[in-house]
Amino acid sequence: METLFLDPFNILLLAGFIGFFMAFGIGANDVANSMGTSVGSKAITIKQAIIIAAIFEFLGAFLAGGEVTSTIRKGIVDPNLYANDVNIFVIGMISALLAGGTWLFIASLRGWPVSTTHSIVGAIIGFVLISKGVDAVSWSKVGNIAMSWVTSPLFSGTLAFGLYISAKKLILDRANPGKAAITFIPLYSFLVAVVISLVTARKGLKHVGIEFSENEIYLFTLIFSIIVATGTAFFLRRNKDQIMREGGIEFAFGLLMIVSASAMAFAHGSNDVANAIGPLAAVVSVVDTGEIGSKSSISPWVLLVGGIGIVFGLATLGSRVISTVGKKITALTPSLGFSAEMATASTVVAATYLGFPISTTHTLVGGVIGVGLAKGAEHLDYASIKRIIASWLVTIPAGAAFTILFYILLRIIFSV
């Protein structure tokens, strides 16, 4: 193995601090995916959102954060290209982490909801460009990711539009909406449980050593969803008087949002976080094994760094992006917010099954726009939407540019 530019302990210390910075950015920006609509619809306060998300994001990241992650996100480059350039590879991964964290920090300060995945993808592209040239990048993979900028918000927005229209027809516009809510909301809770249990059974449980067959996944989903729907029906009937009063219907939708938001926070912590800190896992793997592989086991301390960083970022800067998603695109009620959140979760699960790369952030924004259109196009804040889309377009180039800058600086500092 090529001699490392620093001793192993110092490399891990440096990578660990920068990995924490990246996780901080995830907490400050990406957690709005699970909490923005709940806060914007006033189902919960920002303080409650931070507490709920901190608990479930941390548990997801640390307990089910994944045994293995791809070193190079989405197969953008063949890691074997760096087999004889270990120092270059380590410098590149550290630069990518620093770049991704820097862009997420800037975006969070501005309240822009950008994609964590796309930030790190752009960062990896920058590293490959500066170290191996244009031809080493798998541009077809990058093209698939760029396609998702259009497809995922469009699909989620359409689904959210339909969900809210169905809620209006079945519940909100009825002569006796309270009675309709008690009848139909258990059906919506069944759908929430289906989506969450599918993603948990397929993606989450395997990380804690539980593997289900296809039939077992569907059986687990059915049983869990029936239990949730039955529990929801029982609770609604127990609180029948409050639901029958004015505003009580939105209270019922608000309860659904708290459950779905908590589950989405856990799913986000268990999946996206481990992937986003993949470059840190890659550095640890090189130090531990002395070689570069396409897959890297994630050490428990890496997940701990990720989990703590997320909580810290959420608590200090998270309210800015939560405010953008939950309040600035359109004014949300719990029924509108639930429709957007449900559409987002459904789109993410569908993409998971199809193996299509999408951004949860883009999907949620699409869902919020969809319910805004269902309420009426005049209720959308088009200036905010333009700023959000502009920040999406800039994310990959910004990640690449920051990586190139940090890569050059680190090579000069360490004489690599």
Protein backbone atom coordinates (compact mmCIF):
# COMPACT_ATOMS: atom_id res chain seq x y z
CA MET A 1 0.00 0.00 0.00
CA GLU A 2 1.14 3.53 -0.79
CA THR A 3 2.32 5.43 2.32
CA LEU A 4 -0.48 7.64 3.62
CA PHE A 5 0.12 11.39 3.79
CA LEU A 6 -0.74 11.39 7.53
CA ASP A 7 -0.68 8.68 10.20
CA PRO A 8 -3.95 6.67 10.33
CA PHE A 9 -5.21 8.25 13.58
CA ASN A 10 -4.88 11.80 12.25
CA ILE A 11 -6.55 10.88 8.97
CA LEU A 12 -9.51 9.39 10.85
CA LEU A 13 -9.65 12.44 13.14
CA LEU A 14 -9.67 14.83 10.17
CA ALA A 15 -12.23 12.76 8.24
CA GLY A 16 -14.38 12.37 11.38
CA PHE A 17 -14.58 16.12 12.00
CA ILE A 18 -15.45 16.82 8.36
CA GLY A 19 -17.95 13.93 8.35
CA PHE A 20 -19.62 15.55 11.38
CA PHE A 21 -19.82 18.81 9.40
CA MET A 22 -21.53 16.96 6.53
CA ALA A 23 -23.99 15.35 8.94
CA PHE A 24 -24.63 18.79 10.46
CA GLY A 25 -25.64 19.98 6.98
CA ILE A 26 -27.99 17.02 6.57
CA GLY A 27 -29.70 17.84 9.86
CA ALA A 28 -29.96 21.53 9.00
CA ASN A 29 -31.38 20.94 5.51
CA ASP A 30 -32.69 17.48 4.73
CA VAL A 31 -34.74 16.88 7.89
CA ALA A 32 -37.28 19.39 6.58
CA ASN A 33 -38.37 16.46 4.39
CA SER A 34 -40.05 14.80 7.35
CA MET A 35 -41.00 17.83 9.46
CA GLY A 36 -41.66 20.82 7.16
CA THR A 37 -45.28 20.05 6.34
CA SER A 38 -46.13 19.13 9.95
CA VAL A 39 -44.83 22.50 11.20
CA GLY A 40 -46.28 24.51 8.32
CA SER A 41 -49.75 23.05 8.89
CA LYS A 42 -49.47 23.79 12.64
CA ALA A 43 -49.91 20.11 13.53
CA ILE A 44 -46.81 20.58 15.71
CA THR A 45 -44.53 23.49 16.67
CA ILE A 46 -40.95 23.88 15.43
CA LYS A 47 -39.70 22.99 18.92
CA GLN A 48 -41.74 19.77 18.94
CA ALA A 49 -40.56 18.98 15.40
CA ILE A 50 -36.94 19.33 16.45
CA ILE A 51 -37.48 16.98 19.42
CA ILE A 52 -39.37 14.37 17.37
CA ALA A 53 -36.95 14.49 14.44
CA ALA A 54 -33.89 14.46 16.70
CA ILE A 55 -35.09 11.25 18.36
CA PHE A 56 -36.17 9.38 15.24
CA GLU A 57 -33.43 10.61 12.89
CA PHE A 58 -30.76 9.65 15.46
CA LEU A 59 -32.32 6.22 16.10
CA GLY A 60 -32.63 5.60 12.37
CA ALA A 61 -29.04 6.64 11.67
CA PHE A 62 -27.47 4.75 14.56
CA LEU A 63 -29.63 1.63 14.89
CA ALA A 64 -30.48 0.94 11.24
CA GLY A 65 -28.02 3.12 9.36
CA GLY A 66 -26.85 0.34 7.09
CA GLU A 67 -24.11 -2.25 7.17
CA VAL A 68 -22.80 -1.35 3.73
CA THR A 69 -22.86 1.77 1.58
CA SER A 70 -21.55 2.57 -1.86
CA THR A 71 -18.24 4.42 -1.65
CA ILE A 72 -18.90 6.36 -4.83
CA ARG A 73 -22.48 7.55 -4.90
CA LYS A 74 -24.71 6.06 -7.59
CA GLY A 75 -21.83 4.44 -9.49
CA ILE A 76 -20.56 7.76 -10.84
CA VAL A 77 -17.00 6.45 -11.10
CA ASP A 78 -15.18 3.11 -10.94
CA PRO A 79 -13.19 3.18 -7.65
CA ASN A 80 -10.63 0.79 -9.16
CA LEU A 81 -9.28 3.80 -11.06
CA TYR A 82 -7.71 4.88 -7.76
CA ALA A 83 -6.23 1.51 -6.76
CA ASN A 84 -2.68 2.88 -7.10
CA ASP A 85 -3.51 6.40 -5.86
CA VAL A 86 -4.61 5.83 -2.26
CA ASN A 87 -3.58 9.31 -1.07
CA ILE A 88 -5.39 10.97 -3.97
CA PHE A 89 -8.49 8.90 -3.16
CA VAL A 90 -8.44 9.80 0.56
CA ILE A 91 -7.86 13.51 -0.19
CA GLY A 92 -10.71 13.34 -2.72
CA MET A 93 -13.17 11.77 -0.28
CA ILE A 94 -12.31 14.31 2.43
CA SER A 95 -12.68 17.12 -0.12
CA ALA A 96 -16.07 15.75 -1.21
CA LEU A 97 -17.33 15.63 2.38
CA LEU A 98 -16.12 19.17 3.02
CA ALA A 99 -17.69 20.39 -0.23
CA GLY A 100 -21.04 18.72 0.39
CA GLY A 101 -21.15 20.05 3.95
CA THR A 102 -20.23 23.57 2.84
CA TRP A 103 -22.96 23.72 0.20
CA LEU A 104 -25.58 22.34 2.62
CA PHE A 105 -24.50 24.92 5.23
CA ILE A 106 -24.84 27.80 2.74
CA ALA A 107 -28.21 26.52 1.49
CA SER A 108 -29.49 26.06 5.05
CA LEU A 109 -28.51 29.62 6.00
CA ARG A 110 -30.55 30.82 3.02
CA GLY A 111 -33.47 28.48 3.81
CA TRP A 112 -33.10 26.60 0.50
CA PRO A 113 -34.27 22.96 0.56
CA VAL A 114 -31.63 21.21 -1.55
CA SER A 115 -30.77 17.54 -2.00
CA THR A 116 -28.17 15.91 0.27
CA THR A 117 -27.68 13.14 -2.26
CA HIS A 118 -27.18 15.59 -5.13
CA SER A 119 -24.77 17.63 -3.02
CA ILE A 120 -22.52 14.61 -2.50
CA VAL A 121 -23.00 13.47 -6.12
CA GLY A 122 -21.81 16.88 -7.33
CA ALA A 123 -18.89 16.70 -4.92
CA ILE A 124 -17.81 13.28 -6.22
CA ILE A 125 -18.09 14.53 -9.81
CA GLY A 126 -15.76 17.43 -8.95
CA PHE A 127 -13.21 15.02 -7.49
CA VAL A 128 -13.31 12.75 -10.55
CA LEU A 129 -13.00 15.71 -12.95
CA ILE A 130 -9.96 17.19 -11.20
CA SER A 131 -8.21 13.87 -10.65
CA LYS A 132 -9.10 11.67 -13.65
CA GLY A 133 -10.75 13.89 -16.25
CA VAL A 134 -14.12 14.18 -17.97
CA ASP A 135 -14.14 10.67 -19.46
CA ALA A 136 -13.91 8.99 -16.03
CA VAL A 137 -17.38 10.25 -15.01
CA SER A 138 -20.36 8.01 -15.77
CA TRP A 139 -22.43 10.74 -17.39
CA SER A 140 -25.36 8.40 -18.06
CA LYS A 141 -25.77 8.03 -14.27
CA VAL A 142 -25.59 11.80 -13.87
CA GLY A 143 -28.24 12.14 -16.60
CA ASN A 144 -30.59 9.79 -14.71
CA ILE A 145 -30.17 11.91 -11.59
CA ALA A 146 -30.87 15.11 -13.55
CA MET A 147 -34.05 13.52 -14.96
CA SER A 148 -35.33 13.07 -11.42
CA TRP A 149 -35.40 16.88 -11.01
CA VAL A 150 -38.46 16.81 -13.25
CA THR A 151 -40.00 13.37 -12.79
CA SER A 152 -40.09 13.08 -8.99
CA PRO A 153 -41.73 16.47 -8.24
CA LEU A 154 -44.15 15.94 -11.13
CA PHE A 155 -45.23 12.49 -9.94
CA SER A 156 -45.44 13.53 -6.28
CA GLY A 157 -47.30 16.75 -7.12
CA THR A 158 -49.87 14.85 -9.19
CA LEU A 159 -50.39 12.29 -6.44
CA ALA A 160 -50.67 14.98 -3.73
CA PHE A 161 -53.22 16.85 -5.88
CA GLY A 162 -55.32 13.68 -6.18
CA LEU A 163 -55.05 12.82 -2.48
CA TYR A 164 -56.25 16.24 -1.37
CA ILE A 165 -59.12 16.23 -3.88
CA SER A 166 -60.15 12.82 -2.51
CA ALA A 167 -60.02 14.16 1.07
CA LYS A 168 -62.22 17.09 0.01
CA LYS A 169 -64.76 14.83 -1.69
CA LEU A 170 -64.84 12.16 1.03
CA ILE A 171 -64.51 14.32 4.16
CA LEU A 172 -63.99 18.08 4.03
CA ASP A 173 -66.90 19.04 1.73
CA ARG A 174 -69.44 16.61 3.22
CA ALA A 175 -72.58 17.86 4.98
CA ASN A 176 -71.34 16.13 8.15
CA PRO A 177 -67.53 16.23 7.84
CA GLY A 178 -66.96 15.06 11.42
CA LYS A 179 -68.81 11.81 10.83
CA ALA A 180 -67.07 11.38 7.45
CA ALA A 181 -63.65 11.91 9.11
CA ILE A 182 -64.34 9.12 11.62
CA THR A 183 -65.38 6.84 8.74
CA PHE A 184 -62.64 7.58 6.18
CA ILE A 185 -59.52 8.69 8.08
CA PRO A 186 -58.79 5.06 9.15
CA LEU A 187 -58.56 4.31 5.40
CA TYR A 188 -55.93 7.03 4.98
CA SER A 189 -54.05 5.72 8.03
CA PHE A 190 -54.10 2.27 6.39
CA LEU A 191 -52.47 3.79 3.28
CA VAL A 192 -49.85 5.56 5.43
CA ALA A 193 -49.05 2.28 7.19
CA VAL A 194 -48.76 0.44 3.86
CA VAL A 195 -46.21 2.92 2.53
CA ILE A 196 -44.15 3.11 5.75
CA SER A 197 -44.17 -0.64 6.42
CA LEU A 198 -43.18 -1.39 2.81
CA VAL A 199 -40.12 0.85 2.98
CA THR A 200 -39.25 -0.45 6.47
CA ALA A 201 -39.60 -4.13 5.51
CA ARG A 202 -37.71 -3.72 2.25
CA LYS A 203 -34.99 -1.23 3.19
CA GLY A 204 -34.76 -0.77 6.95
CA LEU A 205 -35.02 -4.18 8.61
CA LYS A 206 -32.26 -5.78 6.52
CA HIS A 207 -29.82 -3.38 8.18
CA VAL A 208 -30.53 -4.99 11.56
CA GLY A 209 -30.20 -8.53 10.23
CA ILE A 210 -33.85 -9.25 9.31
CA GLU A 211 -34.42 -10.36 5.71
CA PHE A 212 -37.97 -10.91 4.40
CA SER A 213 -39.04 -12.72 1.23
CA GLU A 214 -41.44 -10.88 -1.10
CA ASN A 215 -44.46 -12.75 0.30
CA GLU A 216 -43.33 -12.06 3.88
CA ILE A 217 -42.96 -8.35 3.08
CA TYR A 218 -46.53 -8.17 1.79
CA LEU A 219 -47.91 -10.20 4.73
CA PHE A 220 -46.06 -8.00 7.24
CA THR A 221 -47.35 -4.88 5.46
CA LEU A 222 -50.95 -6.10 5.45
CA ILE A 223 -51.00 -7.13 9.13
CA PHE A 224 -49.24 -3.96 10.32
CA SER A 225 -51.53 -1.71 8.24
CA ILE A 226 -54.71 -3.37 9.52
CA ILE A 227 -53.49 -2.92 13.11
CA VAL A 228 -52.73 0.79 12.50
CA ALA A 229 -56.10 1.40 10.79
CA THR A 230 -57.94 -0.36 13.62
CA GLY A 231 -56.04 1.67 16.24
CA THR A 232 -56.82 4.89 14.37
CA ALA A 233 -60.54 4.05 14.19
CA PHE A 234 -60.61 3.29 17.92
CA PHE A 235 -58.83 6.56 18.78
CA LEU A 236 -61.12 8.64 16.54
CA ARG A 237 -64.22 7.17 18.11
CA ARG A 238 -62.84 7.85 21.58
CA ASN A 239 -62.33 11.51 20.54
CA LYS A 240 -65.59 11.76 18.61
CA ASP A 241 -66.81 14.89 20.42
CA GLN A 242 -63.64 16.88 19.66
CA ILE A 243 -63.70 15.84 15.98
CA MET A 244 -67.34 16.84 15.64
CA ARG A 245 -66.53 20.36 16.82
CA GLU A 246 -65.34 23.01 14.35
CA GLY A 247 -61.68 22.47 13.44
CA GLY A 248 -61.68 18.94 14.85
CA ILE A 249 -61.34 17.37 11.41
CA GLU A 250 -58.00 19.07 10.87
CA PHE A 251 -57.03 17.84 14.37
CA ALA A 252 -57.60 14.27 13.14
CA PHE A 253 -55.42 14.82 10.06
CA GLY A 254 -52.79 16.39 12.32
CA LEU A 255 -52.53 13.19 14.35
CA LEU A 256 -51.88 11.24 11.15
CA MET A 257 -49.13 13.68 10.21
CA ILE A 258 -47.27 13.22 13.50
CA VAL A 259 -47.20 9.44 13.02
CA SER A 260 -46.15 9.59 9.36
CA ALA A 261 -43.54 12.29 10.03
CA SER A 262 -41.96 10.25 12.84
CA ALA A 263 -41.78 7.17 10.64
CA MET A 264 -40.35 9.14 7.71
CA ALA A 265 -37.70 10.64 10.02
CA PHE A 266 -36.63 7.14 11.08
CA ALA A 267 -36.57 5.95 7.46
CA HIS A 268 -34.55 9.02 6.42
CA GLY A 269 -32.06 8.46 9.22
CA SER A 270 -31.63 4.79 8.38
CA ASN A 271 -31.15 5.26 4.63
CA ASP A 272 -30.11 8.69 3.37
CA VAL A 273 -27.76 9.47 6.24
CA ALA A 274 -25.57 6.42 5.85
CA ASN A 275 -25.34 7.05 2.12
CA ALA A 276 -24.48 10.72 2.57
CA ILE A 277 -21.54 9.91 4.85
CA GLY A 278 -20.32 7.24 2.43
CA PRO A 279 -17.06 9.11 1.72
CA LEU A 280 -16.22 8.96 5.45
CA ALA A 281 -16.85 5.20 5.42
CA ALA A 282 -14.58 4.97 2.37
CA VAL A 283 -11.73 6.73 4.18
CA VAL A 284 -12.15 4.50 7.25
CA SER A 285 -12.10 1.42 5.02
CA VAL A 286 -8.86 2.50 3.31
CA VAL A 287 -7.18 3.12 6.68
CA ASP A 288 -8.42 -0.20 8.11
CA THR A 289 -7.80 -2.49 5.11
CA GLY A 290 -5.17 -0.63 3.11
CA GLU A 291 -7.11 -0.92 -0.14
CA ILE A 292 -9.92 0.72 -2.07
CA GLY A 293 -13.15 -1.21 -2.67
CA SER A 294 -16.45 -0.38 -4.33
CA LYS A 295 -18.22 -1.15 -1.06
CA SER A 296 -17.26 -0.07 2.45
CA SER A 297 -18.54 -1.37 5.77
CA ILE A 298 -19.77 1.38 8.06
CA SER A 299 -18.19 1.38 11.53
CA PRO A 300 -20.52 2.11 14.49
CA TRP A 301 -18.59 5.30 15.33
CA VAL A 302 -19.25 6.62 11.82
CA LEU A 303 -23.01 6.19 12.36
CA LEU A 304 -22.65 7.84 15.76
CA VAL A 305 -20.91 10.83 14.16
CA GLY A 306 -23.71 10.99 11.61
CA GLY A 307 -26.49 10.73 14.18
CA ILE A 308 -25.07 13.37 16.53
CA GLY A 309 -24.24 15.72 13.63
CA ILE A 310 -27.80 15.50 12.31
CA VAL A 311 -29.33 16.36 15.68
CA PHE A 312 -26.95 19.30 16.14
CA GLY A 313 -27.62 20.70 12.64
CA LEU A 314 -31.37 20.31 13.05
CA ALA A 315 -31.43 22.04 16.43
CA THR A 316 -29.32 25.02 15.33
CA LEU A 317 -30.27 25.70 11.68
CA GLY A 318 -33.13 23.34 10.82
CA SER A 319 -35.93 25.83 11.41
CA ARG A 320 -34.96 27.88 8.32
CA VAL A 321 -35.55 25.15 5.75
CA ILE A 322 -38.55 23.80 7.70
CA SER A 323 -40.07 27.29 7.41
CA THR A 324 -39.47 27.41 3.63
CA VAL A 325 -41.06 24.01 2.97
CA GLY A 326 -43.89 24.39 5.46
CA LYS A 327 -44.87 28.04 5.07
CA LYS A 328 -43.39 29.87 2.07
CA ILE A 329 -44.54 27.72 -0.87
CA THR A 330 -48.19 27.76 0.18
CA ALA A 331 -50.19 28.03 3.42
CA LEU A 332 -50.81 24.52 4.74
CA THR A 333 -53.52 22.94 6.87
CA PRO A 334 -53.09 19.43 8.34
CA SER A 335 -55.21 17.90 5.55
CA LEU A 336 -53.09 19.65 2.88
CA GLY A 337 -49.85 18.80 4.68
CA PHE A 338 -50.87 15.17 5.09
CA SER A 339 -51.65 14.89 1.37
CA ALA A 340 -48.21 16.28 0.47
CA GLU A 341 -46.42 14.02 2.97
CA MET A 342 -48.33 10.92 1.90
CA ALA A 343 -47.58 11.63 -1.77
CA THR A 344 -43.88 12.09 -0.96
CA ALA A 345 -43.65 8.82 0.96
CA SER A 346 -45.49 6.93 -1.79
CA THR A 347 -43.25 8.35 -4.51
CA VAL A 348 -40.08 7.48 -2.56
CA VAL A 349 -41.29 3.90 -1.99
CA ALA A 350 -42.21 3.50 -5.68
CA ALA A 351 -38.78 4.80 -6.72
CA THR A 352 -37.11 2.41 -4.28
CA TYR A 353 -38.88 -0.57 -5.87
CA LEU A 354 -37.98 0.62 -9.37
CA GLY A 355 -34.38 1.47 -8.43
CA PHE A 356 -34.84 5.00 -9.76
CA PRO A 357 -32.61 7.70 -8.21
CA ILE A 358 -34.70 10.53 -6.76
CA SER A 359 -34.33 13.25 -4.15
CA THR A 360 -36.72 13.19 -1.18
CA THR A 361 -36.40 16.98 -1.01
CA HIS A 362 -37.48 17.48 -4.62
CA THR A 363 -40.32 14.99 -4.13
CA LEU A 364 -41.67 16.77 -1.06
CA VAL A 365 -41.52 20.20 -2.69
CA GLY A 366 -43.44 18.75 -5.64
CA GLY A 367 -46.05 17.39 -3.22
CA VAL A 368 -46.47 20.76 -1.51
CA ILE A 369 -46.86 22.49 -4.89
CA GLY A 370 -49.43 19.84 -5.85
CA VAL A 371 -51.67 20.52 -2.85
CA GLY A 372 -51.23 24.26 -3.42
CA LEU A 373 -52.59 23.80 -6.94
CA ALA A 374 -55.46 21.69 -5.60
CA LYS A 375 -56.37 24.60 -3.30
CA GLY A 376 -55.96 27.08 -6.16
CA ALA A 377 -52.98 28.28 -8.21
CA GLU A 378 -53.27 31.76 -6.70
CA HIS A 379 -52.31 30.28 -3.31
CA LEU A 380 -48.77 29.43 -4.47
CA ASP A 381 -45.80 31.72 -3.83
CA TYR A 382 -44.11 31.59 -7.25
CA ALA A 383 -41.11 33.68 -6.18
CA SER A 384 -40.25 31.11 -3.50
CA ILE A 385 -40.70 28.24 -5.96
CA LYS A 386 -38.32 29.93 -8.46
CA ARG A 387 -35.66 30.33 -5.75
CA ILE A 388 -36.01 26.67 -4.74
CA ILE A 389 -35.69 25.42 -8.34
CA ALA A 390 -32.66 27.66 -8.91
CA SER A 391 -30.99 26.17 -5.81
CA TRP A 392 -31.64 22.65 -7.21
CA LEU A 393 -29.99 23.51 -10.52
CA VAL A 394 -26.95 24.96 -8.76
CA THR A 395 -26.46 22.08 -6.28
CA ILE A 396 -24.44 19.63 -8.42
CA PRO A 397 -22.19 22.31 -10.02
CA ALA A 398 -21.69 23.94 -6.59
CA GLY A 399 -20.71 20.62 -5.02
CA ALA A 400 -18.25 19.97 -7.85
CA ALA A 401 -16.73 23.47 -7.69
CA PHE A 402 -16.24 23.35 -3.92
CA THR A 403 -14.60 19.92 -4.17
CA ILE A 404 -12.11 21.11 -6.79
CA LEU A 405 -11.24 24.08 -4.58
CA PHE A 406 -10.79 22.00 -1.41
CA TYR A 407 -8.94 19.23 -3.30
CA ILE A 408 -6.32 21.72 -4.56
CA LEU A 409 -5.97 23.33 -1.11
CA LEU A 410 -5.57 20.00 0.70
CA ARG A 411 -2.99 18.76 -1.79
CA ILE A 412 -0.99 21.95 -1.24
CA ILE A 413 -1.35 21.77 2.58
CA PHE A 414 -0.28 18.11 2.81
CA SER A 415 2.14 18.13 -0.17
CA VAL A 416 0.38 15.18 -1.80
